[in-house]
């Protein structure tokens, strides 16, 4: 694995790259960093250029001071600029959690740049907008977002050497979250400004459930008619996700005409860590099936 930096879109972006060939970009969420995708980098780096950046605000990448710099369109442009920096006109985009939110937005804005879109436990903006406004179970599951947006979030999450964040991962992963993993995450979270950078994604979006009459629920979307994804898409979903419930899959085909959904019943929000081989196989099969279809079409 090679570590590198790119100066683009007004920030310095750190990324890890493996292999040569067509580009696959892997985008992490909160509270992770490029390391989330280490097993995918090894697997897909065998026949692709597999790249995982630290997104803005995280680990070794730039951390703008202005909250407005953490809005999703800036991350979309970060990815577009990174792909151009790497010399690729089209690529496969893979995203989890907030990385999936950015991946959905990228596919909506730039379908011409994507060969395929792969989402892991990340809600489409129109669906999440519905769920956060209308589904009490999702509202309850999303209450942590109010804490993450608060001024006290850093002190709460950093207390006792990041005990709350460690517990979030360990609760579902158990022994799969190793001592080496813990050390890697602690180092990433301890980078100056990194915890605030990650939390600023929540603050800039203002996303979350209702917080009293003066603070209604707020989702990720806009005009639903403009949120159609015109890219062949695979959605992998760990059904034991306690933060993003399976209701986020209901009605998804309305917004993603070319859609494949693969449910993992014993997977949590951290399914990439729990079942890396299964996730890799699902991605491999999806890419292989699409290549076969393209050849047949010709």
C-alpha atoms as a PDB file:
ATOM      1  CA  UNK A   1       0.000   0.000   0.000  1.00  0.00           C
ATOM      2  CA  UNK A   2       1.372   3.376  -1.033  1.00  0.00           C
ATOM      3  CA  UNK A   3       0.498   6.577   0.825  1.00  0.00           C
ATOM      4  CA  UNK A   4       0.290   9.822  -1.135  1.00  0.00           C
ATOM      5  CA  UNK A   5      -1.106  13.353  -1.036  1.00  0.00           C
ATOM      6  CA  UNK A   6      -2.890  15.489  -3.600  1.00  0.00           C
ATOM      7  CA  UNK A   7      -3.447  19.243  -3.485  1.00  0.00           C
ATOM      8  CA  UNK A   8      -6.928  19.705  -4.897  1.00  0.00           C
ATOM      9  CA  UNK A   9     -10.136  21.677  -4.423  1.00  0.00           C
ATOM     10  CA  UNK A  10      -8.402  23.943  -1.922  1.00  0.00           C
ATOM     11  CA  UNK A  11      -7.263  21.200   0.474  1.00  0.00           C
ATOM     12  CA  UNK A  12      -4.546  18.582   0.893  1.00  0.00           C
ATOM     13  CA  UNK A  13      -6.026  15.110   0.570  1.00  0.00           C
ATOM     14  CA  UNK A  14      -4.233  12.021   1.866  1.00  0.00           C
ATOM     15  CA  UNK A  15      -4.970   8.719   0.146  1.00  0.00           C
ATOM     16  CA  UNK A  16      -3.771   5.131  -0.003  1.00  0.00           C
ATOM     17  CA  UNK A  17      -3.428   3.387  -3.357  1.00  0.00           C
ATOM     18  CA  UNK A  18      -2.871  -0.234  -4.355  1.00  0.00           C
ATOM     19  CA  UNK A  19      -2.401  -1.756  -7.817  1.00  0.00           C
ATOM     20  CA  UNK A  20      -2.868  -0.625 -11.387  1.00  0.00           C
ATOM     21  CA  UNK A  21      -5.771  -0.687 -13.784  1.00  0.00           C
ATOM     22  CA  UNK A  22      -9.255   0.819 -13.812  1.00  0.00           C
ATOM     23  CA  UNK A  23      -9.930   3.048 -10.842  1.00  0.00           C
ATOM     24  CA  UNK A  24     -12.014   2.044  -7.822  1.00  0.00           C
ATOM     25  CA  UNK A  25     -12.501   4.744  -5.184  1.00  0.00           C
ATOM     26  CA  UNK A  26     -13.468   3.631  -1.668  1.00  0.00           C
ATOM     27  CA  UNK A  27     -14.987   6.303   0.589  1.00  0.00           C
ATOM     28  CA  UNK A  28     -15.229   5.912   4.370  1.00  0.00           C
ATOM     29  CA  UNK A  29     -17.710   7.342   6.835  1.00  0.00           C
ATOM     30  CA  UNK A  30     -17.717   8.406  10.501  1.00  0.00           C
ATOM     31  CA  UNK A  31     -15.735   7.712  12.646  1.00  0.00           C
ATOM     32  CA  UNK A  32     -13.433   5.924  10.227  1.00  0.00           C
ATOM     33  CA  UNK A  33     -10.648   6.753   7.759  1.00  0.00           C
ATOM     34  CA  UNK A  34      -8.956   5.083   4.783  1.00  0.00           C
ATOM     35  CA  UNK A  35      -8.164   2.053   6.983  1.00  0.00           C
ATOM     36  CA  UNK A  36     -11.806   0.930   6.840  1.00  0.00           C
ATOM     37  CA  UNK A  37     -11.153  -0.338   3.312  1.00  0.00           C
ATOM     38  CA  UNK A  38      -7.792  -2.041   3.842  1.00  0.00           C
ATOM     39  CA  UNK A  39      -9.117  -5.503   2.936  1.00  0.00           C
ATOM     40  CA  UNK A  40     -10.866  -4.170  -0.165  1.00  0.00           C
ATOM     41  CA  UNK A  41      -7.699  -2.349  -1.255  1.00  0.00           C
ATOM     42  CA  UNK A  42      -5.756  -5.611  -1.130  1.00  0.00           C
ATOM     43  CA  UNK A  43      -8.462  -7.551  -2.968  1.00  0.00           C
ATOM     44  CA  UNK A  44      -9.330  -5.108  -5.729  1.00  0.00           C
ATOM     45  CA  UNK A  45      -5.784  -3.817  -6.065  1.00  0.00           C
ATOM     46  CA  UNK A  46      -5.054  -7.126  -7.790  1.00  0.00           C
ATOM     47  CA  UNK A  47      -6.699  -5.891 -10.994  1.00  0.00           C
ATOM     48  CA  UNK A  48      -7.611  -2.235 -10.347  1.00  0.00           C
ATOM     49  CA  UNK A  49      -6.067   0.892  -9.008  1.00  0.00           C
ATOM     50  CA  UNK A  50      -7.842   0.712  -5.655  1.00  0.00           C
ATOM     51  CA  UNK A  51      -7.747   4.025  -3.781  1.00  0.00           C
ATOM     52  CA  UNK A  52      -9.101   5.038  -0.373  1.00  0.00           C
ATOM     53  CA  UNK A  53      -8.757   8.687   0.680  1.00  0.00           C
ATOM     54  CA  UNK A  54      -9.002  10.190   4.112  1.00  0.00           C
ATOM     55  CA  UNK A  55     -11.939  12.466   3.447  1.00  0.00           C
ATOM     56  CA  UNK A  56     -11.653  16.155   4.318  1.00  0.00           C
ATOM     57  CA  UNK A  57     -11.642  16.643   8.070  1.00  0.00           C
ATOM     58  CA  UNK A  58     -10.264  13.183   8.808  1.00  0.00           C
ATOM     59  CA  UNK A  59      -6.906  11.743   9.860  1.00  0.00           C
ATOM     60  CA  UNK A  60      -4.128  13.075   7.586  1.00  0.00           C
ATOM     61  CA  UNK A  61      -6.240  15.133   5.167  1.00  0.00           C
ATOM     62  CA  UNK A  62      -6.893  18.866   5.363  1.00  0.00           C
ATOM     63  CA  UNK A  63      -9.344  20.198   7.933  1.00  0.00           C
ATOM     64  CA  UNK A  64     -10.903  23.501   6.858  1.00  0.00           C
ATOM     65  CA  UNK A  65     -11.912  25.834   9.656  1.00  0.00           C
ATOM     66  CA  UNK A  66     -15.158  27.023   8.022  1.00  0.00           C
ATOM     67  CA  UNK A  67     -18.185  24.829   8.724  1.00  0.00           C
ATOM     68  CA  UNK A  68     -19.551  25.477   5.233  1.00  0.00           C
ATOM     69  CA  UNK A  69     -16.568  23.592   3.815  1.00  0.00           C
ATOM     70  CA  UNK A  70     -18.029  20.346   5.151  1.00  0.00           C
ATOM     71  CA  UNK A  71     -21.137  20.347   3.000  1.00  0.00           C
ATOM     72  CA  UNK A  72     -21.597  17.408   0.674  1.00  0.00           C
ATOM     73  CA  UNK A  73     -20.989  19.250  -2.636  1.00  0.00           C
ATOM     74  CA  UNK A  74     -17.422  19.989  -1.493  1.00  0.00           C
ATOM     75  CA  UNK A  75     -16.792  16.284  -0.897  1.00  0.00           C
ATOM     76  CA  UNK A  76     -18.265  15.453  -4.287  1.00  0.00           C
ATOM     77  CA  UNK A  77     -15.791  17.846  -5.883  1.00  0.00           C
ATOM     78  CA  UNK A  78     -12.950  16.353  -3.799  1.00  0.00           C
ATOM     79  CA  UNK A  79     -13.649  12.960  -5.351  1.00  0.00           C
ATOM     80  CA  UNK A  80     -14.016  14.319  -8.867  1.00  0.00           C
ATOM     81  CA  UNK A  81     -10.718  16.176  -8.529  1.00  0.00           C
ATOM     82  CA  UNK A  82      -8.968  13.136  -7.024  1.00  0.00           C
ATOM     83  CA  UNK A  83     -10.040  10.901  -9.910  1.00  0.00           C
ATOM     84  CA  UNK A  84      -8.777  13.520 -12.369  1.00  0.00           C
ATOM     85  CA  UNK A  85      -5.515  13.824 -10.420  1.00  0.00           C
ATOM     86  CA  UNK A  86      -5.086  10.059 -10.728  1.00  0.00           C
ATOM     87  CA  UNK A  87      -5.641  10.254 -14.487  1.00  0.00           C
ATOM     88  CA  UNK A  88      -8.976   8.418 -14.795  1.00  0.00           C
ATOM     89  CA  UNK A  89     -11.988   9.591 -16.770  1.00  0.00           C
ATOM     90  CA  UNK A  90     -14.431   7.002 -15.346  1.00  0.00           C
ATOM     91  CA  UNK A  91     -14.345   4.814 -12.282  1.00  0.00           C
ATOM     92  CA  UNK A  92     -16.205   2.580  -9.836  1.00  0.00           C
ATOM     93  CA  UNK A  93     -17.264   4.392  -6.663  1.00  0.00           C
ATOM     94  CA  UNK A  94     -17.783   2.548  -3.355  1.00  0.00           C
ATOM     95  CA  UNK A  95     -19.065   4.302  -0.224  1.00  0.00           C
ATOM     96  CA  UNK A  96     -20.131   3.417   3.318  1.00  0.00           C
ATOM     97  CA  UNK A  97     -22.000   5.546   5.878  1.00  0.00           C
ATOM     98  CA  UNK A  98     -21.190   9.234   5.187  1.00  0.00           C
ATOM     99  CA  UNK A  99     -18.952   8.017   2.363  1.00  0.00           C
ATOM    100  CA  UNK A 100     -22.057   6.448   0.866  1.00  0.00           C
ATOM    101  CA  UNK A 101     -23.974   9.708   1.258  1.00  0.00           C
ATOM    102  CA  UNK A 102     -21.257  11.422  -0.775  1.00  0.00           C
ATOM    103  CA  UNK A 103     -21.256   8.553  -3.271  1.00  0.00           C
ATOM    104  CA  UNK A 104     -25.028   8.891  -3.818  1.00  0.00           C
ATOM    105  CA  UNK A 105     -24.594  12.639  -4.342  1.00  0.00           C
ATOM    106  CA  UNK A 106     -21.690  12.066  -6.732  1.00  0.00           C
ATOM    107  CA  UNK A 107     -23.718   9.615  -8.830  1.00  0.00           C
ATOM    108  CA  UNK A 108     -26.615  12.060  -9.034  1.00  0.00           C
ATOM    109  CA  UNK A 109     -24.340  14.939 -10.044  1.00  0.00           C
ATOM    110  CA  UNK A 110     -21.860  13.103 -12.295  1.00  0.00           C
ATOM    111  CA  UNK A 111     -23.340   9.884 -13.715  1.00  0.00           C
ATOM    112  CA  UNK A 112     -21.127  10.258 -16.794  1.00  0.00           C
ATOM    113  CA  UNK A 113     -18.023   9.733 -14.647  1.00  0.00           C
ATOM    114  CA  UNK A 114     -19.093   6.451 -13.068  1.00  0.00           C
ATOM    115  CA  UNK A 115     -18.924   2.917 -14.388  1.00  0.00           C
ATOM    116  CA  UNK A 116     -20.705   1.523 -11.331  1.00  0.00           C
ATOM    117  CA  UNK A 117     -21.902   2.687  -7.920  1.00  0.00           C
ATOM    118  CA  UNK A 118     -21.632   0.473  -4.830  1.00  0.00           C
ATOM    119  CA  UNK A 119     -23.230   1.536  -1.549  1.00  0.00           C
ATOM    120  CA  UNK A 120     -22.802  -0.116   1.843  1.00  0.00           C
ATOM    121  CA  UNK A 121     -25.288   0.860   4.572  1.00  0.00           C
ATOM    122  CA  UNK A 122     -25.815   4.435   3.469  1.00  0.00           C
ATOM    123  CA  UNK A 123     -29.248   5.908   2.745  1.00  0.00           C
ATOM    124  CA  UNK A 124     -30.301   7.522  -0.497  1.00  0.00           C
ATOM    125  CA  UNK A 125     -31.098  11.190   0.276  1.00  0.00           C
ATOM    126  CA  UNK A 126     -34.746  11.046  -0.755  1.00  0.00           C
ATOM    127  CA  UNK A 127     -35.406   7.858   1.193  1.00  0.00           C
ATOM    128  CA  UNK A 128     -33.641   9.091   4.329  1.00  0.00           C
ATOM    129  CA  UNK A 129     -35.561  12.363   4.109  1.00  0.00           C
ATOM    130  CA  UNK A 130     -38.778  10.346   4.247  1.00  0.00           C
ATOM    131  CA  UNK A 131     -37.585   8.041   7.020  1.00  0.00           C
ATOM    132  CA  UNK A 132     -36.248  10.794   9.304  1.00  0.00           C
ATOM    133  CA  UNK A 133     -39.497  12.743   8.959  1.00  0.00           C
ATOM    134  CA  UNK A 134     -42.057   9.933   9.043  1.00  0.00           C
ATOM    135  CA  UNK A 135     -40.600   6.822  10.687  1.00  0.00           C
ATOM    136  CA  UNK A 136     -40.455   7.022  14.517  1.00  0.00           C
ATOM    137  CA  UNK A 137     -38.072   4.051  14.656  1.00  0.00           C
ATOM    138  CA  UNK A 138     -35.549   5.797  12.391  1.00  0.00           C
ATOM    139  CA  UNK A 139     -35.999   9.032  14.297  1.00  0.00           C
ATOM    140  CA  UNK A 140     -35.138   7.231  17.526  1.00  0.00           C
ATOM    141  CA  UNK A 141     -32.189   5.437  15.909  1.00  0.00           C
ATOM    142  CA  UNK A 142     -30.852   8.798  14.679  1.00  0.00           C
ATOM    143  CA  UNK A 143     -30.941  10.644  17.995  1.00  0.00           C
ATOM    144  CA  UNK A 144     -27.169  10.313  18.292  1.00  0.00           C
ATOM    145  CA  UNK A 145     -26.953  12.871  15.465  1.00  0.00           C
ATOM    146  CA  UNK A 146     -28.203  15.570  17.847  1.00  0.00           C
ATOM    147  CA  UNK A 147     -25.302  14.786  20.185  1.00  0.00           C
ATOM    148  CA  UNK A 148     -22.823  14.776  17.303  1.00  0.00           C
ATOM    149  CA  UNK A 149     -24.025  18.240  16.230  1.00  0.00           C
ATOM    150  CA  UNK A 150     -23.773  19.685  19.737  1.00  0.00           C
ATOM    151  CA  UNK A 151     -20.968  21.855  21.082  1.00  0.00           C
ATOM    152  CA  UNK A 152     -20.218  19.151  23.664  1.00  0.00           C
ATOM    153  CA  UNK A 153     -19.679  16.381  21.117  1.00  0.00           C
ATOM    154  CA  UNK A 154     -15.877  16.526  21.139  1.00  0.00           C
ATOM    155  CA  UNK A 155     -15.593  16.322  24.912  1.00  0.00           C
ATOM    156  CA  UNK A 156     -18.136  13.490  25.085  1.00  0.00           C
ATOM    157  CA  UNK A 157     -16.506  11.379  22.381  1.00  0.00           C
ATOM    158  CA  UNK A 158     -12.891  12.049  23.357  1.00  0.00           C
ATOM    159  CA  UNK A 159     -13.420  11.308  27.061  1.00  0.00           C
ATOM    160  CA  UNK A 160     -11.494   8.373  28.568  1.00  0.00           C
ATOM    161  CA  UNK A 161      -9.323   8.000  25.472  1.00  0.00           C
ATOM    162  CA  UNK A 162     -12.251   7.912  23.018  1.00  0.00           C
ATOM    163  CA  UNK A 163     -14.107   5.250  25.007  1.00  0.00           C
ATOM    164  CA  UNK A 164     -17.503   6.033  23.405  1.00  0.00           C
ATOM    165  CA  UNK A 165     -16.166   5.627  19.873  1.00  0.00           C
ATOM    166  CA  UNK A 166     -14.307   2.451  20.777  1.00  0.00           C
ATOM    167  CA  UNK A 167     -17.520   1.032  22.232  1.00  0.00           C
ATOM    168  CA  UNK A 168     -19.500   1.913  19.090  1.00  0.00           C
ATOM    169  CA  UNK A 169     -17.172  -0.287  17.055  1.00  0.00           C
ATOM    170  CA  UNK A 170     -16.568  -3.004  19.633  1.00  0.00           C
ATOM    171  CA  UNK A 171     -20.274  -3.463  20.410  1.00  0.00           C
ATOM    172  CA  UNK A 172     -20.918  -5.144  17.068  1.00  0.00           C
ATOM    173  CA  UNK A 173     -17.433  -6.273  16.056  1.00  0.00           C
ATOM    174  CA  UNK A 174     -16.325  -7.897  19.303  1.00  0.00           C
ATOM    175  CA  UNK A 175     -13.002  -9.705  18.881  1.00  0.00           C
ATOM    176  CA  UNK A 176     -12.908  -8.692  15.224  1.00  0.00           C
ATOM    177  CA  UNK A 177     -11.937  -5.241  16.466  1.00  0.00           C
ATOM    178  CA  UNK A 178      -8.360  -6.096  17.346  1.00  0.00           C
ATOM    179  CA  UNK A 179      -5.751  -4.327  19.453  1.00  0.00           C
ATOM    180  CA  UNK A 180      -4.038  -3.273  16.220  1.00  0.00           C
ATOM    181  CA  UNK A 181      -7.312  -1.827  14.927  1.00  0.00           C
ATOM    182  CA  UNK A 182      -7.837   0.052  18.183  1.00  0.00           C
ATOM    183  CA  UNK A 183      -4.354   1.555  17.984  1.00  0.00           C
ATOM    184  CA  UNK A 184      -4.888   2.612  14.357  1.00  0.00           C
ATOM    185  CA  UNK A 185      -8.207   4.324  15.134  1.00  0.00           C
ATOM    186  CA  UNK A 186      -6.879   6.054  18.226  1.00  0.00           C
ATOM    187  CA  UNK A 187      -4.005   7.456  16.195  1.00  0.00           C
ATOM    188  CA  UNK A 188      -6.389   8.723  13.497  1.00  0.00           C
ATOM    189  CA  UNK A 189      -8.823  10.295  15.984  1.00  0.00           C
ATOM    190  CA  UNK A 190      -5.922  11.935  17.820  1.00  0.00           C
ATOM    191  CA  UNK A 191      -4.704  13.864  14.778  1.00  0.00           C
ATOM    192  CA  UNK A 192      -5.112  17.603  15.514  1.00  0.00           C
ATOM    193  CA  UNK A 193      -8.621  18.696  14.544  1.00  0.00           C
ATOM    194  CA  UNK A 194      -9.673  15.262  13.287  1.00  0.00           C
ATOM    195  CA  UNK A 195     -12.559  14.664  15.686  1.00  0.00           C
ATOM    196  CA  UNK A 196     -14.000  18.111  15.009  1.00  0.00           C
ATOM    197  CA  UNK A 197     -13.501  17.585  11.281  1.00  0.00           C
ATOM    198  CA  UNK A 198     -15.588  14.416  11.292  1.00  0.00           C
ATOM    199  CA  UNK A 199     -18.305  15.903  13.485  1.00  0.00           C
ATOM    200  CA  UNK A 200     -18.515  18.938  11.222  1.00  0.00           C
ATOM    201  CA  UNK A 201     -20.073  16.762   8.529  1.00  0.00           C
ATOM    202  CA  UNK A 202     -23.116  16.378  10.806  1.00  0.00           C
ATOM    203  CA  UNK A 203     -23.111  20.037  11.798  1.00  0.00           C
ATOM    204  CA  UNK A 204     -22.848  21.349   8.250  1.00  0.00           C
ATOM    205  CA  UNK A 205     -25.669  19.103   7.050  1.00  0.00           C
ATOM    206  CA  UNK A 206     -27.876  19.829  10.069  1.00  0.00           C
ATOM    207  CA  UNK A 207     -29.170  16.285   9.644  1.00  0.00           C
ATOM    208  CA  UNK A 208     -31.119  14.593  12.408  1.00  0.00           C
ATOM    209  CA  UNK A 209     -34.472  13.758  13.990  1.00  0.00           C
ATOM    210  CA  UNK A 210     -36.852  16.322  15.470  1.00  0.00           C
ATOM    211  CA  UNK A 211     -35.565  18.122  18.566  1.00  0.00           C
ATOM    212  CA  UNK A 212     -38.690  19.851  19.791  1.00  0.00           C
ATOM    213  CA  UNK A 213     -41.194  22.018  17.944  1.00  0.00           C
ATOM    214  CA  UNK A 214     -38.571  24.571  16.971  1.00  0.00           C
ATOM    215  CA  UNK A 215     -36.255  21.976  15.405  1.00  0.00           C
ATOM    216  CA  UNK A 216     -38.066  19.676  12.963  1.00  0.00           C
ATOM    217  CA  UNK A 217     -36.463  16.624  11.418  1.00  0.00           C
ATOM    218  CA  UNK A 218     -33.983  17.318   8.659  1.00  0.00           C
ATOM    219  CA  UNK A 219     -32.834  14.825   6.069  1.00  0.00           C
ATOM    220  CA  UNK A 220     -30.247  14.832   3.314  1.00  0.00           C
ATOM    221  CA  UNK A 221     -32.350  15.448   0.235  1.00  0.00           C
ATOM    222  CA  UNK A 222     -33.901  18.145  -1.864  1.00  0.00           C
ATOM    223  CA  UNK A 223     -36.307  17.968  -4.780  1.00  0.00           C
ATOM    224  CA  UNK A 224     -36.932  14.210  -5.099  1.00  0.00           C
ATOM    225  CA  UNK A 225     -37.367  14.477  -8.870  1.00  0.00           C
ATOM    226  CA  UNK A 226     -33.731  15.575  -9.116  1.00  0.00           C
ATOM    227  CA  UNK A 227     -32.360  12.687  -7.055  1.00  0.00           C
ATOM    228  CA  UNK A 228     -32.543   9.922  -9.662  1.00  0.00           C
ATOM    229  CA  UNK A 229     -29.395   7.785  -9.899  1.00  0.00           C
ATOM    230  CA  UNK A 230     -28.670   6.862 -13.516  1.00  0.00           C
ATOM    231  CA  UNK A 231     -25.766   4.530 -12.786  1.00  0.00           C
ATOM    232  CA  UNK A 232     -25.872   0.734 -12.344  1.00  0.00           C
ATOM    233  CA  UNK A 233     -25.954   0.407  -8.560  1.00  0.00           C
ATOM    234  CA  UNK A 234     -25.310  -2.306  -5.991  1.00  0.00           C
ATOM    235  CA  UNK A 235     -26.537  -1.707  -2.437  1.00  0.00           C
ATOM    236  CA  UNK A 236     -25.139  -3.978   0.278  1.00  0.00           C
ATOM    237  CA  UNK A 237     -26.998  -3.717   3.580  1.00  0.00           C
ATOM    238  CA  UNK A 238     -26.215  -5.243   6.962  1.00  0.00           C
ATOM    239  CA  UNK A 239     -29.690  -5.708   8.371  1.00  0.00           C
ATOM    240  CA  UNK A 240     -28.630  -5.484  12.031  1.00  0.00           C
ATOM    241  CA  UNK A 241     -27.626  -1.834  11.572  1.00  0.00           C
ATOM    242  CA  UNK A 242     -28.876  -0.010  14.668  1.00  0.00           C
ATOM    243  CA  UNK A 243     -28.360   3.480  13.226  1.00  0.00           C
ATOM    244  CA  UNK A 244     -29.684   3.125   9.680  1.00  0.00           C
ATOM    245  CA  UNK A 245     -32.704   0.845   9.602  1.00  0.00           C
ATOM    246  CA  UNK A 246     -33.837  -1.367   6.736  1.00  0.00           C
ATOM    247  CA  UNK A 247     -36.695   1.017   5.989  1.00  0.00           C
ATOM    248  CA  UNK A 248     -34.057   2.950   4.042  1.00  0.00           C
ATOM    249  CA  UNK A 249     -34.343   0.242   1.365  1.00  0.00           C
ATOM    250  CA  UNK A 250     -38.111   0.584   0.929  1.00  0.00           C
ATOM    251  CA  UNK A 251     -38.983   2.305  -2.342  1.00  0.00           C
ATOM    252  CA  UNK A 252     -35.353   2.700  -3.359  1.00  0.00           C
ATOM    253  CA  UNK A 253     -35.947   1.366  -6.883  1.00  0.00           C
ATOM    254  CA  UNK A 254     -38.056   4.453  -7.599  1.00  0.00           C
ATOM    255  CA  UNK A 255     -34.874   6.535  -7.448  1.00  0.00           C
ATOM    256  CA  UNK A 256     -32.410   3.933  -8.768  1.00  0.00           C
ATOM    257  CA  UNK A 257     -33.815   2.250 -11.878  1.00  0.00           C
ATOM    258  CA  UNK A 258     -30.813  -0.080 -12.350  1.00  0.00           C
ATOM    259  CA  UNK A 259     -30.606  -1.455  -8.807  1.00  0.00           C
ATOM    260  CA  UNK A 260     -29.305  -4.612  -7.160  1.00  0.00           C
ATOM    261  CA  UNK A 261     -29.842  -5.031  -3.396  1.00  0.00           C
ATOM    262  CA  UNK A 262     -27.896  -7.599  -1.380  1.00  0.00           C
ATOM    263  CA  UNK A 263     -28.999  -7.977   2.236  1.00  0.00           C
ATOM    264  CA  UNK A 264     -26.697  -9.470   4.864  1.00  0.00           C
ATOM    265  CA  UNK A 265     -29.004 -10.554   7.704  1.00  0.00           C
ATOM    266  CA  UNK A 266     -26.215 -11.081  10.250  1.00  0.00           C
ATOM    267  CA  UNK A 267     -24.352  -7.892   9.312  1.00  0.00           C
ATOM    268  CA  UNK A 268     -24.400  -4.692  11.351  1.00  0.00           C
ATOM    269  CA  UNK A 269     -23.542  -1.158  10.314  1.00  0.00           C
ATOM    270  CA  UNK A 270     -19.917  -2.349  10.298  1.00  0.00           C
ATOM    271  CA  UNK A 271     -20.532  -5.152   7.799  1.00  0.00           C
ATOM    272  CA  UNK A 272     -17.370  -4.224   5.867  1.00  0.00           C
ATOM    273  CA  UNK A 273     -15.387  -5.312   8.927  1.00  0.00           C
ATOM    274  CA  UNK A 274     -17.589  -8.229   9.956  1.00  0.00           C
ATOM    275  CA  UNK A 275     -17.862  -9.915   6.566  1.00  0.00           C
ATOM    276  CA  UNK A 276     -15.056  -8.593   4.338  1.00  0.00           C
ATOM    277  CA  UNK A 277     -14.902 -11.692   2.152  1.00  0.00           C
ATOM    278  CA  UNK A 278     -18.666 -11.678   1.585  1.00  0.00           C
ATOM    279  CA  UNK A 279     -18.633  -7.969   0.772  1.00  0.00           C
ATOM    280  CA  UNK A 280     -15.726  -8.481  -1.629  1.00  0.00           C
ATOM    281  CA  UNK A 281     -17.483 -11.380  -3.334  1.00  0.00           C
ATOM    282  CA  UNK A 282     -20.702  -9.390  -3.795  1.00  0.00           C
ATOM    283  CA  UNK A 283     -18.735  -6.540  -5.346  1.00  0.00           C
ATOM    284  CA  UNK A 284     -16.773  -8.933  -7.576  1.00  0.00           C
ATOM    285  CA  UNK A 285     -19.935 -10.660  -8.765  1.00  0.00           C
ATOM    286  CA  UNK A 286     -21.644  -7.343  -9.493  1.00  0.00           C
ATOM    287  CA  UNK A 287     -18.708  -6.035 -11.521  1.00  0.00           C
ATOM    288  CA  UNK A 288     -18.297  -9.338 -13.381  1.00  0.00           C
ATOM    289  CA  UNK A 289     -21.997  -9.554 -14.251  1.00  0.00           C
ATOM    290  CA  UNK A 290     -21.928  -6.016 -15.585  1.00  0.00           C
ATOM    291  CA  UNK A 291     -18.872  -6.708 -17.730  1.00  0.00           C
ATOM    292  CA  UNK A 292     -20.605  -9.784 -19.195  1.00  0.00           C
ATOM    293  CA  UNK A 293     -23.739  -7.783 -19.966  1.00  0.00           C
ATOM    294  CA  UNK A 294     -21.691  -5.083 -21.691  1.00  0.00           C
ATOM    295  CA  UNK A 295     -19.975  -7.668 -23.904  1.00  0.00           C
ATOM    296  CA  UNK A 296     -23.308  -9.259 -24.813  1.00  0.00           C
ATOM    297  CA  UNK A 297     -24.760  -5.847 -25.681  1.00  0.00           C
ATOM    298  CA  UNK A 298     -21.954  -5.278 -28.164  1.00  0.00           C
END
